[in-house]
C-alpha atoms as a PDB file:
ATOM      1  CA  MET A   1     -28.327 -42.188  96.035  1.00  0.00           C
ATOM      2  CA  PRO A   2     -24.994 -40.306  96.484  1.00  0.00           C
ATOM      3  CA  GLU A   3     -24.233 -37.528  94.035  1.00  0.00           C
ATOM      4  CA  ARG A   4     -22.109 -38.512  91.061  1.00  0.00           C
ATOM      5  CA  ILE A   5     -18.444 -37.492  91.112  1.00  0.00           C
ATOM      6  CA  ALA A   6     -17.342 -35.507  88.072  1.00  0.00           C
ATOM      7  CA  ILE A   7     -13.787 -34.268  87.572  1.00  0.00           C
ATOM      8  CA  THR A   8     -13.124 -32.049  84.568  1.00  0.00           C
ATOM      9  CA  ILE A   9      -9.660 -31.565  83.101  1.00  0.00           C
ATOM     10  CA  ASP A  10      -9.228 -28.942  80.390  1.00  0.00           C
ATOM     11  CA  GLY A  11      -6.127 -27.631  78.689  1.00  0.00           C
ATOM     12  CA  PRO A  12      -4.194 -27.313  75.426  1.00  0.00           C
ATOM     13  CA  ALA A  13      -2.630 -30.120  73.388  1.00  0.00           C
ATOM     14  CA  GLY A  14       0.316 -31.804  75.084  1.00  0.00           C
ATOM     15  CA  ALA A  15      -0.421 -30.594  78.610  1.00  0.00           C
ATOM     16  CA  GLY A  16      -0.718 -34.185  79.835  1.00  0.00           C
ATOM     17  CA  LYS A  17      -4.490 -34.353  80.175  1.00  0.00           C
ATOM     18  CA  SER A  18      -4.990 -37.885  78.858  1.00  0.00           C
ATOM     19  CA  THR A  19      -2.165 -39.550  80.777  1.00  0.00           C
ATOM     20  CA  ILE A  20      -3.060 -37.820  84.024  1.00  0.00           C
ATOM     21  CA  ALA A  21      -6.809 -38.396  83.655  1.00  0.00           C
ATOM     22  CA  LYS A  22      -6.215 -42.118  83.081  1.00  0.00           C
ATOM     23  CA  LEU A  23      -4.090 -42.320  86.226  1.00  0.00           C
ATOM     24  CA  ILE A  24      -6.702 -40.476  88.276  1.00  0.00           C
ATOM     25  CA  ALA A  25      -9.456 -42.726  86.943  1.00  0.00           C
ATOM     26  CA  LYS A  26      -7.496 -45.806  87.963  1.00  0.00           C
ATOM     27  CA  LYS A  27      -6.667 -44.497  91.437  1.00  0.00           C
ATOM     28  CA  LEU A  28     -10.186 -43.278  92.227  1.00  0.00           C
ATOM     29  CA  ARG A  29     -12.031 -45.984  90.268  1.00  0.00           C
ATOM     30  CA  LEU A  30     -13.761 -43.555  87.943  1.00  0.00           C
ATOM     31  CA  GLU A  31     -14.714 -43.840  84.281  1.00  0.00           C
ATOM     32  CA  TYR A  32     -12.092 -42.133  82.118  1.00  0.00           C
ATOM     33  CA  VAL A  33     -13.629 -40.115  79.279  1.00  0.00           C
ATOM     34  CA  ASP A  34     -11.426 -38.627  76.563  1.00  0.00           C
ATOM     35  CA  THR A  35     -13.781 -36.294  74.704  1.00  0.00           C
ATOM     36  CA  GLY A  36     -11.086 -35.441  72.166  1.00  0.00           C
ATOM     37  CA  SER A  37     -11.146 -39.037  70.939  1.00  0.00           C
ATOM     38  CA  MET A  38     -14.810 -38.567  70.033  1.00  0.00           C
ATOM     39  CA  TYR A  39     -13.985 -35.615  67.767  1.00  0.00           C
ATOM     40  CA  ARG A  40     -11.065 -37.573  66.369  1.00  0.00           C
ATOM     41  CA  ALA A  41     -13.400 -40.483  65.624  1.00  0.00           C
ATOM     42  CA  ILE A  42     -15.738 -38.217  63.652  1.00  0.00           C
ATOM     43  CA  THR A  43     -12.716 -36.832  61.793  1.00  0.00           C
ATOM     44  CA  TRP A  44     -11.531 -40.358  60.972  1.00  0.00           C
ATOM     45  CA  LYS A  45     -15.004 -41.298  59.739  1.00  0.00           C
ATOM     46  CA  ALA A  46     -15.087 -38.174  57.544  1.00  0.00           C
ATOM     47  CA  VAL A  47     -11.839 -39.341  55.936  1.00  0.00           C
ATOM     48  CA  GLN A  48     -13.335 -42.784  55.313  1.00  0.00           C
ATOM     49  CA  GLU A  49     -16.409 -41.205  53.730  1.00  0.00           C
ATOM     50  CA  GLY A  50     -14.379 -38.754  51.637  1.00  0.00           C
ATOM     51  CA  ILE A  51     -15.985 -35.710  53.267  1.00  0.00           C
ATOM     52  CA  ASP A  52     -14.058 -32.438  53.045  1.00  0.00           C
ATOM     53  CA  PHE A  53     -13.242 -30.965  56.458  1.00  0.00           C
ATOM     54  CA  HIS A  54     -14.684 -27.620  55.367  1.00  0.00           C
ATOM     55  CA  ASP A  55     -17.965 -29.193  54.213  1.00  0.00           C
ATOM     56  CA  ARG A  56     -20.143 -28.298  57.196  1.00  0.00           C
ATOM     57  CA  GLU A  57     -23.302 -29.804  55.723  1.00  0.00           C
ATOM     58  CA  GLY A  58     -21.513 -33.062  54.991  1.00  0.00           C
ATOM     59  CA  LEU A  59     -20.094 -33.240  58.519  1.00  0.00           C
ATOM     60  CA  VAL A  60     -23.500 -32.539  60.072  1.00  0.00           C
ATOM     61  CA  LYS A  61     -25.129 -35.292  58.006  1.00  0.00           C
ATOM     62  CA  LEU A  62     -22.325 -37.642  59.037  1.00  0.00           C
ATOM     63  CA  VAL A  63     -22.654 -37.075  62.786  1.00  0.00           C
ATOM     64  CA  HIS A  64     -26.426 -37.542  62.610  1.00  0.00           C
ATOM     65  CA  LYS A  65     -26.315 -40.808  60.654  1.00  0.00           C
ATOM     66  CA  ILE A  66     -23.699 -42.652  62.716  1.00  0.00           C
ATOM     67  CA  LYS A  67     -23.949 -44.127  66.207  1.00  0.00           C
ATOM     68  CA  LEU A  68     -21.091 -43.063  68.464  1.00  0.00           C
ATOM     69  CA  ASP A  69     -20.430 -44.860  71.753  1.00  0.00           C
ATOM     70  CA  TYR A  70     -17.744 -44.612  74.404  1.00  0.00           C
ATOM     71  CA  SER A  71     -16.826 -47.189  77.030  1.00  0.00           C
ATOM     72  CA  GLU A  72     -13.763 -47.934  79.163  1.00  0.00           C
ATOM     73  CA  GLY A  73     -11.566 -45.491  77.265  1.00  0.00           C
ATOM     74  CA  ARG A  74     -12.550 -46.840  73.838  1.00  0.00           C
ATOM     75  CA  VAL A  75     -14.558 -44.996  71.187  1.00  0.00           C
ATOM     76  CA  TYR A  76     -16.899 -46.809  68.803  1.00  0.00           C
ATOM     77  CA  ILE A  77     -18.611 -45.816  65.565  1.00  0.00           C
ATOM     78  CA  ASP A  78     -21.525 -48.027  64.509  1.00  0.00           C
ATOM     79  CA  GLY A  79     -20.225 -50.733  66.842  1.00  0.00           C
ATOM     80  CA  LYS A  80     -16.646 -50.655  65.464  1.00  0.00           C
ATOM     81  CA  ASP A  81     -13.825 -49.857  67.876  1.00  0.00           C
ATOM     82  CA  VAL A  82     -11.920 -47.091  66.065  1.00  0.00           C
ATOM     83  CA  THR A  83      -9.614 -46.127  68.939  1.00  0.00           C
ATOM     84  CA  GLY A  84      -6.554 -47.470  67.174  1.00  0.00           C
ATOM     85  CA  TYR A  85      -7.122 -45.438  64.023  1.00  0.00           C
ATOM     86  CA  ILE A  86      -7.547 -41.903  65.330  1.00  0.00           C
ATOM     87  CA  ARG A  87      -4.041 -40.795  66.400  1.00  0.00           C
ATOM     88  CA  SER A  88      -2.420 -40.212  63.007  1.00  0.00           C
ATOM     89  CA  GLU A  89      -1.043 -36.780  62.162  1.00  0.00           C
ATOM     90  CA  LYS A  90      -3.725 -36.276  59.504  1.00  0.00           C
ATOM     91  CA  ILE A  91      -6.473 -36.788  62.073  1.00  0.00           C
ATOM     92  CA  THR A  92      -4.661 -34.629  64.649  1.00  0.00           C
ATOM     93  CA  GLU A  93      -4.216 -31.755  62.187  1.00  0.00           C
ATOM     94  CA  ASN A  94      -7.856 -31.698  61.095  1.00  0.00           C
ATOM     95  CA  THR A  95      -9.848 -32.455  64.239  1.00  0.00           C
ATOM     96  CA  SER A  96     -10.114 -28.740  65.075  1.00  0.00           C
ATOM     97  CA  PHE A  97     -12.058 -28.147  61.847  1.00  0.00           C
ATOM     98  CA  VAL A  98     -14.582 -30.853  62.730  1.00  0.00           C
ATOM     99  CA  ALA A  99     -14.849 -29.615  66.315  1.00  0.00           C
ATOM    100  CA  SER A 100     -15.725 -26.111  65.090  1.00  0.00           C
ATOM    101  CA  VAL A 101     -19.054 -27.302  63.626  1.00  0.00           C
ATOM    102  CA  ARG A 102     -21.849 -26.450  66.058  1.00  0.00           C
ATOM    103  CA  GLU A 103     -24.071 -29.431  65.285  1.00  0.00           C
ATOM    104  CA  VAL A 104     -21.168 -31.840  65.740  1.00  0.00           C
ATOM    105  CA  ARG A 105     -20.356 -30.360  69.144  1.00  0.00           C
ATOM    106  CA  GLU A 106     -23.996 -30.410  70.229  1.00  0.00           C
ATOM    107  CA  GLU A 107     -24.307 -34.097  69.377  1.00  0.00           C
ATOM    108  CA  LEU A 108     -21.128 -35.055  71.203  1.00  0.00           C
ATOM    109  CA  VAL A 109     -21.887 -32.889  74.238  1.00  0.00           C
ATOM    110  CA  HIS A 110     -25.151 -34.806  74.536  1.00  0.00           C
ATOM    111  CA  VAL A 111     -23.183 -38.085  74.631  1.00  0.00           C
ATOM    112  CA  GLN A 112     -20.680 -36.685  77.155  1.00  0.00           C
ATOM    113  CA  ARG A 113     -23.350 -35.425  79.540  1.00  0.00           C
ATOM    114  CA  ARG A 114     -25.126 -38.777  79.387  1.00  0.00           C
ATOM    115  CA  LEU A 115     -21.927 -40.527  80.417  1.00  0.00           C
ATOM    116  CA  ALA A 116     -21.551 -38.172  83.396  1.00  0.00           C
ATOM    117  CA  ARG A 117     -25.138 -38.876  84.491  1.00  0.00           C
ATOM    118  CA  GLU A 118     -24.621 -42.627  84.337  1.00  0.00           C
ATOM    119  CA  LYS A 119     -21.164 -42.937  85.939  1.00  0.00           C
ATOM    120  CA  ASP A 120     -18.595 -41.248  88.156  1.00  0.00           C
ATOM    121  CA  VAL A 121     -16.203 -39.729  85.628  1.00  0.00           C
ATOM    122  CA  VAL A 122     -12.962 -37.927  85.043  1.00  0.00           C
ATOM    123  CA  MET A 123     -13.509 -36.177  81.727  1.00  0.00           C
ATOM    124  CA  GLU A 124     -10.841 -34.341  79.756  1.00  0.00           C
ATOM    125  CA  GLY A 125     -10.878 -32.114  76.707  1.00  0.00           C
ATOM    126  CA  ARG A 126     -11.025 -28.465  75.625  1.00  0.00           C
ATOM    127  CA  ASP A 127     -14.448 -27.323  76.887  1.00  0.00           C
ATOM    128  CA  ILE A 128     -15.430 -29.706  79.681  1.00  0.00           C
ATOM    129  CA  GLY A 129     -15.531 -27.274  82.587  1.00  0.00           C
ATOM    130  CA  THR A 130     -16.697 -24.353  80.442  1.00  0.00           C
ATOM    131  CA  VAL A 131     -19.482 -26.043  78.424  1.00  0.00           C
ATOM    132  CA  VAL A 132     -20.039 -29.758  78.974  1.00  0.00           C
ATOM    133  CA  LEU A 133     -20.076 -30.075  82.779  1.00  0.00           C
ATOM    134  CA  THR A 134     -20.248 -26.516  84.060  1.00  0.00           C
ATOM    135  CA  ASP A 135     -21.556 -27.629  87.468  1.00  0.00           C
ATOM    136  CA  ALA A 136     -18.866 -30.259  88.073  1.00  0.00           C
ATOM    137  CA  PRO A 137     -17.580 -30.083  91.661  1.00  0.00           C
ATOM    138  CA  PHE A 138     -13.951 -30.589  90.622  1.00  0.00           C
ATOM    139  CA  LYS A 139     -12.504 -28.511  87.777  1.00  0.00           C
ATOM    140  CA  PHE A 140      -8.866 -28.430  86.724  1.00  0.00           C
ATOM    141  CA  TYR A 141      -6.963 -26.695  83.944  1.00  0.00           C
ATOM    142  CA  LEU A 142      -3.619 -28.202  82.929  1.00  0.00           C
ATOM    143  CA  ASP A 143      -1.059 -26.152  81.061  1.00  0.00           C
ATOM    144  CA  ALA A 144       2.611 -26.400  80.077  1.00  0.00           C
ATOM    145  CA  GLY A 145       5.088 -24.423  78.004  1.00  0.00           C
ATOM    146  CA  ILE A 146       4.884 -25.059  74.267  1.00  0.00           C
ATOM    147  CA  GLU A 147       8.465 -26.360  74.130  1.00  0.00           C
ATOM    148  CA  GLU A 148       7.664 -28.981  76.749  1.00  0.00           C
ATOM    149  CA  ARG A 149       4.400 -29.942  75.064  1.00  0.00           C
ATOM    150  CA  ALA A 150       6.196 -30.337  71.732  1.00  0.00           C
ATOM    151  CA  ARG A 151       8.912 -32.423  73.401  1.00  0.00           C
ATOM    152  CA  ARG A 152       6.289 -34.752  74.885  1.00  0.00           C
ATOM    153  CA  ARG A 153       4.545 -35.176  71.535  1.00  0.00           C
ATOM    154  CA  PHE A 154       7.888 -35.771  69.800  1.00  0.00           C
ATOM    155  CA  LYS A 155       8.801 -38.460  72.326  1.00  0.00           C
ATOM    156  CA  GLU A 156       5.372 -40.090  72.028  1.00  0.00           C
ATOM    157  CA  LEU A 157       5.574 -40.362  68.235  1.00  0.00           C
ATOM    158  CA  GLU A 158       9.222 -41.431  68.304  1.00  0.00           C
ATOM    159  CA  THR A 159       8.329 -44.245  70.719  1.00  0.00           C
ATOM    160  CA  LYS A 160       5.745 -45.434  68.199  1.00  0.00           C
ATOM    161  CA  GLY A 161       8.467 -45.652  65.567  1.00  0.00           C
ATOM    162  CA  GLU A 162       7.222 -42.696  63.515  1.00  0.00           C
ATOM    163  CA  THR A 163       9.583 -40.352  61.679  1.00  0.00           C
ATOM    164  CA  VAL A 164       9.134 -36.997  63.377  1.00  0.00           C
ATOM    165  CA  ASP A 165      10.580 -33.497  63.363  1.00  0.00           C
ATOM    166  CA  TYR A 166      10.521 -31.453  66.586  1.00  0.00           C
ATOM    167  CA  ASP A 167      10.176 -28.060  64.903  1.00  0.00           C
ATOM    168  CA  SER A 168       7.252 -29.266  62.774  1.00  0.00           C
ATOM    169  CA  ILE A 169       5.513 -30.663  65.854  1.00  0.00           C
ATOM    170  CA  LYS A 170       6.029 -27.402  67.749  1.00  0.00           C
ATOM    171  CA  GLU A 171       4.632 -25.421  64.821  1.00  0.00           C
ATOM    172  CA  ALA A 172       1.601 -27.730  64.581  1.00  0.00           C
ATOM    173  CA  ILE A 173       0.884 -27.376  68.316  1.00  0.00           C
ATOM    174  CA  ALA A 174       1.135 -23.583  68.110  1.00  0.00           C
ATOM    175  CA  LEU A 175      -1.325 -23.593  65.203  1.00  0.00           C
ATOM    176  CA  ARG A 176      -3.699 -25.852  67.096  1.00  0.00           C
ATOM    177  CA  ASP A 177      -3.487 -23.588  70.156  1.00  0.00           C
ATOM    178  CA  GLN A 178      -4.417 -20.639  67.966  1.00  0.00           C
ATOM    179  CA  ARG A 179      -7.379 -22.479  66.423  1.00  0.00           C
ATOM    180  CA  ASP A 180      -8.663 -23.796  69.736  1.00  0.00           C
ATOM    181  CA  SER A 181      -8.401 -20.458  71.544  1.00  0.00           C
ATOM    182  CA  SER A 182      -9.767 -18.220  68.774  1.00  0.00           C
ATOM    183  CA  ARG A 183     -12.627 -20.309  67.389  1.00  0.00           C
ATOM    184  CA  GLY A 184     -16.018 -18.699  67.811  1.00  0.00           C
ATOM    185  CA  LEU A 185     -17.643 -21.878  69.132  1.00  0.00           C
ATOM    186  CA  CYS A 186     -16.606 -23.112  72.590  1.00  0.00           C
ATOM    187  CA  PRO A 187     -13.028 -21.758  72.530  1.00  0.00           C
ATOM    188  CA  LEU A 188     -10.381 -23.118  74.886  1.00  0.00           C
ATOM    189  CA  ARG A 189     -10.655 -21.160  78.132  1.00  0.00           C
ATOM    190  CA  VAL A 190      -9.882 -21.629  81.817  1.00  0.00           C
ATOM    191  CA  PRO A 191     -13.206 -22.712  83.406  1.00  0.00           C
ATOM    192  CA  GLU A 192     -14.648 -20.522  86.127  1.00  0.00           C
ATOM    193  CA  GLY A 193     -13.532 -21.849  89.506  1.00  0.00           C
ATOM    194  CA  ALA A 194     -10.961 -24.225  88.028  1.00  0.00           C
ATOM    195  CA  PHE A 195      -7.696 -25.009  89.783  1.00  0.00           C
ATOM    196  CA  ILE A 196      -4.819 -24.236  87.380  1.00  0.00           C
ATOM    197  CA  ILE A 197      -1.796 -26.529  87.283  1.00  0.00           C
ATOM    198  CA  ASP A 198       1.327 -25.822  85.211  1.00  0.00           C
ATOM    199  CA  SER A 199       2.814 -29.241  84.480  1.00  0.00           C
ATOM    200  CA  THR A 200       5.941 -28.004  82.676  1.00  0.00           C
ATOM    201  CA  ASP A 201       8.317 -28.991  85.465  1.00  0.00           C
ATOM    202  CA  LYS A 202       6.143 -31.580  87.194  1.00  0.00           C
ATOM    203  CA  SER A 203       5.961 -35.323  86.734  1.00  0.00           C
ATOM    204  CA  ILE A 204       2.752 -37.118  85.807  1.00  0.00           C
ATOM    205  CA  GLN A 205       2.617 -38.587  89.300  1.00  0.00           C
ATOM    206  CA  GLU A 206       3.019 -35.161  90.930  1.00  0.00           C
ATOM    207  CA  VAL A 207       0.167 -33.607  88.948  1.00  0.00           C
ATOM    208  CA  ALA A 208      -2.128 -36.602  89.419  1.00  0.00           C
ATOM    209  CA  GLY A 209      -1.350 -36.646  93.135  1.00  0.00           C
ATOM    210  CA  GLU A 210      -2.211 -32.960  93.410  1.00  0.00           C
ATOM    211  CA  ILE A 211      -5.596 -33.500  91.765  1.00  0.00           C
ATOM    212  CA  ILE A 212      -6.369 -36.669  93.724  1.00  0.00           C
ATOM    213  CA  GLY A 213      -5.497 -34.893  96.969  1.00  0.00           C
ATOM    214  CA  LYS A 214      -7.986 -32.116  96.289  1.00  0.00           C
ATOM    215  CA  VAL A 215     -10.723 -34.614  95.393  1.00  0.00           C
ATOM    216  CA  ARG A 216     -10.113 -36.697  98.509  1.00  0.00           C
ATOM    217  CA  GLU A 217     -10.234 -33.606 100.701  1.00  0.00           C
ATOM    218  CA  LYS A 218     -13.918 -33.259  99.828  1.00  0.00           C
ATOM    219  CA  THR A 219     -15.012 -36.830  99.143  1.00  0.00           C
ATOM    220  CA  GLY A 220     -12.882 -38.985 101.398  1.00  0.00           C
ATOM    221  CA  ARG A 221     -12.287 -41.436  98.519  1.00  0.00           C
END
C-alpha cells in the first residue's frame, strides 16, 4: 500500500492557514483537518458546561468524558456538529487557555494522528509539524505581518455582519501571538525542515500554488 501523504501547515492566527489548506485539499483530493477547530470545540463545550477556562481539572474531566470526532472539515462533540458555534470572539479569545492544558492536547493529538493514519491529509494548526506529525514529508510554515493578519480578520468578521474594530482585532492577535509563542506546552515554532512562506503580499492562489507545486514535485499528483 502506498505511503500516506501528510502536509502540515503551521503558523500564527490570520496567516491564511485555513483558507489555503482547504484549497490544497480540494486540488489534491486530501482530507482537510483544522486542528484549531478541535480546541475551539472543547472551548465551546466548556462554556456550555460553565467550566472556568483556568480550571485545569475541570477541563481535563471534560475532554475525557466527551467524544470528539472530525470529518470533512466538520467537528463533532458527542455526535453534534458544533462547527457553526466555535468562531465567536469569546471562543477565539479563550481557546489558547484550553490549548495550554497538557491532557487536552494529548487527547486531541491522539485524534489528529489517527486521522493521518487513516487518510491522506493536509493538517493545519500551531504544532502540527513540531509535535503532531513530526515525520510528515511536507511541512510548511505560513506567516504574515500583523497588520495584514488583522486586516484579514477584520474583513472576515465584517463580511459576517459583525460590528468590529480594527485596532481591537490587532491587539487581540498580538496577545494571541504572545500566548501561543511563549506557552510552556507545545509553543508556536517553525518546524524543523519546514518551508517558510510569507503571505503578506501574496494571494491565496499564489501561496496554495507554491505548496501544491512542491508536493507534486515529489508525488506526481
